[in-house]
Protein backbone atom coordinates (compact mmCIF):
# COMPACT_ATOMS: atom_id res chain seq x y z
CA MET A 1 270.18 -72.82 -139.69
CA GLU A 2 266.63 -71.07 -141.52
CA GLY A 3 265.64 -68.59 -139.70
CA GLY A 4 268.62 -68.28 -137.59
CA PRO A 5 270.80 -64.72 -137.02
CA ASN A 6 273.13 -63.61 -140.00
CA PRO A 7 276.49 -64.68 -138.56
CA VAL A 8 278.09 -61.34 -140.19
CA ARG A 9 275.71 -59.45 -138.02
CA VAL A 10 276.53 -61.70 -135.10
CA GLY A 11 280.41 -61.10 -135.91
CA GLU A 12 279.84 -57.75 -136.00
CA GLU A 13 277.31 -56.99 -132.91
CA TYR A 14 278.70 -59.40 -130.29
CA LYS A 15 281.81 -59.15 -128.62
CA LYS A 16 283.34 -61.03 -125.83
CA PHE A 17 287.38 -60.64 -124.96
CA LEU A 18 289.33 -62.32 -122.23
CA ARG A 19 292.12 -61.06 -121.57
CA THR A 20 295.07 -62.87 -119.26
CA ASN A 21 298.29 -62.01 -117.66
CA THR A 22 300.01 -65.01 -115.75
CA ILE A 23 302.92 -64.92 -113.91
CA LEU A 24 304.69 -68.19 -112.79
CA GLY A 25 308.15 -68.32 -111.09
CA ASN A 26 310.47 -70.83 -109.29
CA ILE A 27 313.44 -70.44 -107.20
CA PHE A 28 315.27 -73.18 -105.66
CA ALA A 29 318.74 -74.19 -104.03
CA ASN A 30 320.60 -77.59 -103.39
CA ILE A 31 323.27 -77.56 -100.75
CA THR A 32 325.21 -80.38 -99.79
CA LEU A 33 325.61 -80.81 -96.00
CA ALA A 34 327.88 -84.08 -95.75
CA LYS A 35 328.53 -86.79 -98.17
CA GLY A 36 325.27 -88.25 -99.11
CA LEU A 37 323.37 -85.55 -97.39
CA ASP A 38 321.62 -82.94 -99.16
CA PHE A 39 319.01 -80.14 -98.44
CA ARG A 40 316.83 -78.68 -100.96
CA THR A 41 314.88 -75.80 -100.75
CA SER A 42 312.32 -74.19 -103.36
CA ILE A 43 309.61 -71.32 -103.61
CA GLY A 44 307.13 -70.98 -106.16
CA VAL A 45 304.36 -68.31 -107.22
CA ASN A 46 301.63 -68.46 -109.61
CA ASN A 47 299.70 -65.58 -110.18
CA VAL A 48 296.98 -65.35 -113.01
CA GLU A 49 294.68 -62.16 -113.84
CA GLN A 50 291.76 -62.50 -115.92
CA LYS A 51 289.10 -59.93 -117.61
CA THR A 52 286.45 -60.55 -119.45
CA ASP A 53 284.42 -58.27 -121.38
CA GLU A 54 280.92 -58.78 -123.00
CA TYR A 55 278.61 -56.79 -125.15
CA ALA A 56 275.21 -58.17 -127.13
CA GLY A 57 273.99 -55.58 -129.49
CA ARG A 58 270.52 -54.53 -129.01
CA GLU A 59 269.05 -56.48 -132.18
CA LEU A 60 270.66 -59.67 -130.83
CA SER A 61 267.81 -61.26 -129.40
CA PHE A 62 269.38 -64.96 -129.82
CA ILE A 63 271.57 -63.73 -127.23
CA GLY A 64 270.14 -60.72 -125.07
CA THR A 65 266.47 -61.61 -125.45
CA ASN A 66 264.13 -59.13 -123.88
CA THR A 67 267.16 -56.86 -122.67
CA ASN A 68 267.44 -54.75 -125.58
CA GLY A 69 271.54 -55.37 -125.42
CA TYR A 70 273.29 -56.36 -122.57
CA ALA A 71 277.05 -55.63 -121.38
CA GLU A 72 279.25 -57.57 -118.62
CA ARG A 73 282.46 -56.90 -117.09
CA SER A 74 284.21 -59.27 -115.23
CA ALA A 75 287.64 -59.64 -113.12
CA ASN A 76 289.48 -62.74 -111.43
CA GLU A 77 292.65 -62.81 -109.79
CA TYR A 78 294.38 -66.25 -108.48
CA THR A 79 297.60 -66.39 -106.51
CA SER A 80 299.09 -68.90 -105.00
CA TRP A 81 302.78 -69.89 -103.46
CA GLN A 82 304.20 -73.07 -102.34
CA PHE A 83 307.52 -73.06 -100.19
CA GLU A 84 308.90 -76.46 -99.67
CA ASN A 85 312.07 -78.12 -97.81
CA TYR A 86 313.64 -81.39 -98.33
CA LEU A 87 316.63 -83.41 -96.45
CA THR A 88 317.76 -86.24 -98.52
CA TYR A 89 320.08 -89.14 -97.52
CA ASN A 90 321.43 -91.91 -99.76
CA LYS A 91 323.71 -94.86 -98.72
CA GLU A 92 324.94 -97.78 -100.50
CA ILE A 93 326.92 -100.92 -98.81
CA ALA A 94 328.97 -102.90 -100.37
CA ASP A 95 327.45 -102.57 -103.76
CA THR A 96 324.15 -104.86 -102.08
CA HIS A 97 322.49 -102.42 -100.09
CA SER A 98 321.07 -99.23 -101.06
CA ILE A 99 319.02 -96.58 -98.67
CA THR A 100 317.46 -93.40 -99.30
CA GLY A 101 315.60 -91.54 -96.98
CA LEU A 102 313.60 -88.30 -97.38
CA LEU A 103 312.49 -85.71 -94.78
CA GLY A 104 310.47 -82.51 -96.02
CA ILE A 105 308.27 -80.03 -94.85
CA SER A 106 305.94 -77.72 -97.21
CA TRP A 107 303.46 -74.92 -97.09
CA GLN A 108 301.10 -73.55 -99.85
CA HIS A 109 298.65 -70.79 -100.24
CA ILE A 110 295.82 -70.03 -102.33
CA ASN A 111 293.99 -66.78 -102.86
CA ASN A 112 291.30 -65.90 -105.23
CA THR A 113 288.67 -62.64 -105.94
CA ALA A 114 286.25 -62.04 -108.51
CA PHE A 115 283.96 -59.62 -109.65
CA SER A 116 281.42 -58.92 -112.07
CA ALA A 117 278.83 -56.10 -113.01
CA ARG A 118 276.02 -55.93 -115.71
CA ALA A 119 273.58 -53.86 -117.25
CA GLU A 120 270.94 -54.21 -120.13
CA ASN A 121 268.63 -52.05 -122.04
CA PHE A 122 270.98 -49.59 -123.87
CA SER A 123 269.80 -46.81 -126.16
CA ASP A 124 272.49 -47.43 -129.02
CA ASP A 125 275.41 -49.71 -129.19
CA PHE A 126 278.25 -46.90 -129.18
CA PHE A 127 279.84 -47.21 -125.65
CA SER A 128 279.41 -51.27 -125.97
CA PHE A 129 281.00 -52.44 -122.33
CA ASP A 130 282.96 -49.38 -121.69
CA ASN A 131 280.10 -47.50 -120.20
CA LEU A 132 277.86 -49.81 -118.07
CA GLY A 133 275.91 -46.76 -117.16
CA ALA A 134 274.44 -46.27 -120.16
CA GLY A 135 272.26 -49.36 -119.84
CA SER A 136 268.93 -48.25 -118.06
CA VAL A 137 268.51 -51.80 -116.17
CA VAL A 138 271.98 -52.16 -113.76
CA GLY A 139 271.95 -55.91 -112.41
CA ASN A 140 273.61 -56.43 -108.76
CA PRO A 141 277.15 -56.54 -108.79
CA THR A 142 278.43 -59.17 -107.58
CA SER A 143 281.92 -60.39 -105.98
CA SER A 144 283.52 -63.06 -104.13
CA ALA A 145 287.11 -64.26 -102.08
CA PHE A 146 288.37 -66.96 -100.68
CA ALA A 147 291.60 -68.12 -99.51
CA TYR A 148 292.96 -71.18 -97.83
CA GLY A 149 296.10 -72.95 -96.53
CA LEU A 150 298.21 -76.17 -96.66
CA ASN A 151 300.62 -77.61 -94.79
CA SER A 152 302.31 -80.81 -94.77
CA TYR A 153 304.90 -82.80 -93.31
CA PHE A 154 306.16 -86.37 -94.90
CA GLY A 155 309.14 -88.75 -95.04
CA ARG A 156 309.93 -91.73 -96.98
CA ILE A 157 312.47 -94.42 -96.91
CA ASN A 158 313.39 -96.86 -99.76
CA TYR A 159 315.35 -99.71 -99.59
CA GLY A 160 316.73 -101.89 -102.32
CA LEU A 161 318.77 -105.26 -102.33
CA GLN A 162 321.16 -105.91 -105.17
CA ASN A 163 318.80 -103.38 -107.18
CA LYS A 164 315.98 -106.17 -107.66
CA TYR A 165 314.29 -106.09 -104.53
CA LEU A 166 312.81 -102.97 -103.60
CA LEU A 167 310.75 -101.69 -100.40
CA THR A 168 309.43 -98.06 -99.94
CA VAL A 169 307.51 -96.80 -96.89
CA THR A 170 306.15 -93.35 -96.82
CA GLY A 171 304.52 -91.19 -94.48
CA ARG A 172 302.86 -88.04 -94.40
CA VAL A 173 300.74 -85.61 -92.27
CA ASP A 174 298.64 -83.14 -94.20
CA GLY A 175 296.56 -80.15 -92.92
CA SER A 176 294.04 -77.91 -94.51
CA SER A 177 292.69 -74.72 -93.00
CA LYS A 178 289.43 -75.81 -94.78
CA PHE A 179 288.59 -77.98 -91.74
CA GLY A 180 288.28 -77.13 -88.02
CA ASP A 181 290.33 -76.85 -85.66
CA THR A 182 289.81 -80.41 -83.76
CA ASN A 183 290.25 -82.03 -87.56
CA ARG A 184 292.67 -80.15 -89.38
CA TYR A 185 295.46 -82.66 -89.63
CA ALA A 186 295.37 -86.43 -90.69
CA PHE A 187 298.05 -88.92 -91.16
CA PHE A 188 298.43 -90.90 -94.56
CA PRO A 189 300.74 -93.80 -94.67
CA SER A 190 301.63 -96.02 -97.61
CA ALA A 191 304.30 -98.75 -98.55
CA ALA A 192 305.01 -100.38 -101.73
CA LEU A 193 307.12 -104.11 -102.65
CA ALA A 194 308.73 -104.27 -106.18
CA TRP A 195 310.66 -106.88 -108.07
CA LYS A 196 312.81 -105.82 -111.13
CA VAL A 197 312.60 -109.50 -112.85
CA SER A 198 314.65 -107.88 -115.76
CA GLU A 199 317.71 -107.80 -113.06
CA GLU A 200 317.29 -111.78 -112.32
CA ASN A 201 320.03 -114.33 -114.36
CA PHE A 202 317.19 -115.74 -116.40
CA LEU A 203 315.86 -112.18 -117.91
CA LYS A 204 319.13 -110.55 -117.79
CA GLU A 205 320.35 -111.33 -121.33
CA SER A 206 316.93 -111.14 -122.94
CA LYS A 207 316.58 -109.16 -126.15
CA THR A 208 312.92 -109.20 -125.86
CA ILE A 209 312.30 -107.63 -122.44
CA SER A 210 314.72 -105.04 -121.08
CA ASN A 211 312.89 -103.69 -118.31
CA LEU A 212 310.16 -105.90 -116.55
CA LYS A 213 309.39 -104.52 -112.74
CA LEU A 214 306.33 -106.39 -110.57
CA ARG A 215 305.31 -103.61 -108.00
CA ALA A 216 302.61 -104.12 -105.11
CA SER A 217 301.27 -101.20 -103.07
CA TYR A 218 299.10 -99.86 -100.28
CA GLY A 219 298.26 -96.67 -99.07
CA VAL A 220 295.64 -94.43 -97.52
CA THR A 221 294.70 -91.10 -99.34
CA GLY A 222 292.46 -88.04 -98.26
CA ASN A 223 290.66 -85.23 -99.91
CA SER A 224 290.41 -81.98 -99.06
CA GLU A 225 287.95 -80.37 -101.84
CA ILE A 226 285.07 -78.67 -99.83
CA PRO A 227 284.67 -75.05 -99.63
CA ALA A 228 287.07 -73.05 -98.25
CA TYR A 229 285.00 -71.90 -94.90
CA GLY A 230 282.89 -75.04 -94.76
CA ALA A 231 283.91 -76.10 -91.49
CA LEU A 232 283.01 -72.53 -89.99
CA PRO A 233 279.89 -71.95 -88.18
CA ILE A 234 276.91 -69.97 -90.16
CA PHE A 235 275.02 -67.45 -88.30
CA ARG A 236 271.79 -66.04 -89.47
């Protein structure tokens, strides 16, 4: 834009770096306990560390207006783990009926920490963001930390008749540490009916339609997207 800052100068005197380290891992085991009965256990970990370094030179008034240069450093760490266990049973009867049952339990924990510091009014641009103490105006550092956990118990039954008529019934109990002790868990049921029309004789030989299924379902869901400590009383 006319009258705006020189882009070359901006490239030389404004710096912002975001560095991210991520560790993501998962391990699982499948165990056959009996014919048609399987047990699966898995645990996963996700760790993300981010560091941001930013510096605006003293002459870049469009970024650091009236600051005579500013520097800011921040760090954020996110860690989560999840532990899940499933017990699954499969049974077919005379090629007509099929039954699949599942029982499971899971735990999840999330932890997040953050920190940032800022300084303004630098005598020169030499130190950039590597020495916040070189700025004569130092802002108040900020920090935050929160953690919460989730716990779920769930079960599901699938029934199929002639691989054409399908029924699914699911029930789960979910709990979150975000909620108070008296309302921490809730039950969420659901059910679904399906008809695989493409398996009927009048469509089975069709060259136009290879897969056609009609499905209707109903269920109840919830929402735990509230602050981690929103249920705790506040003392002033």
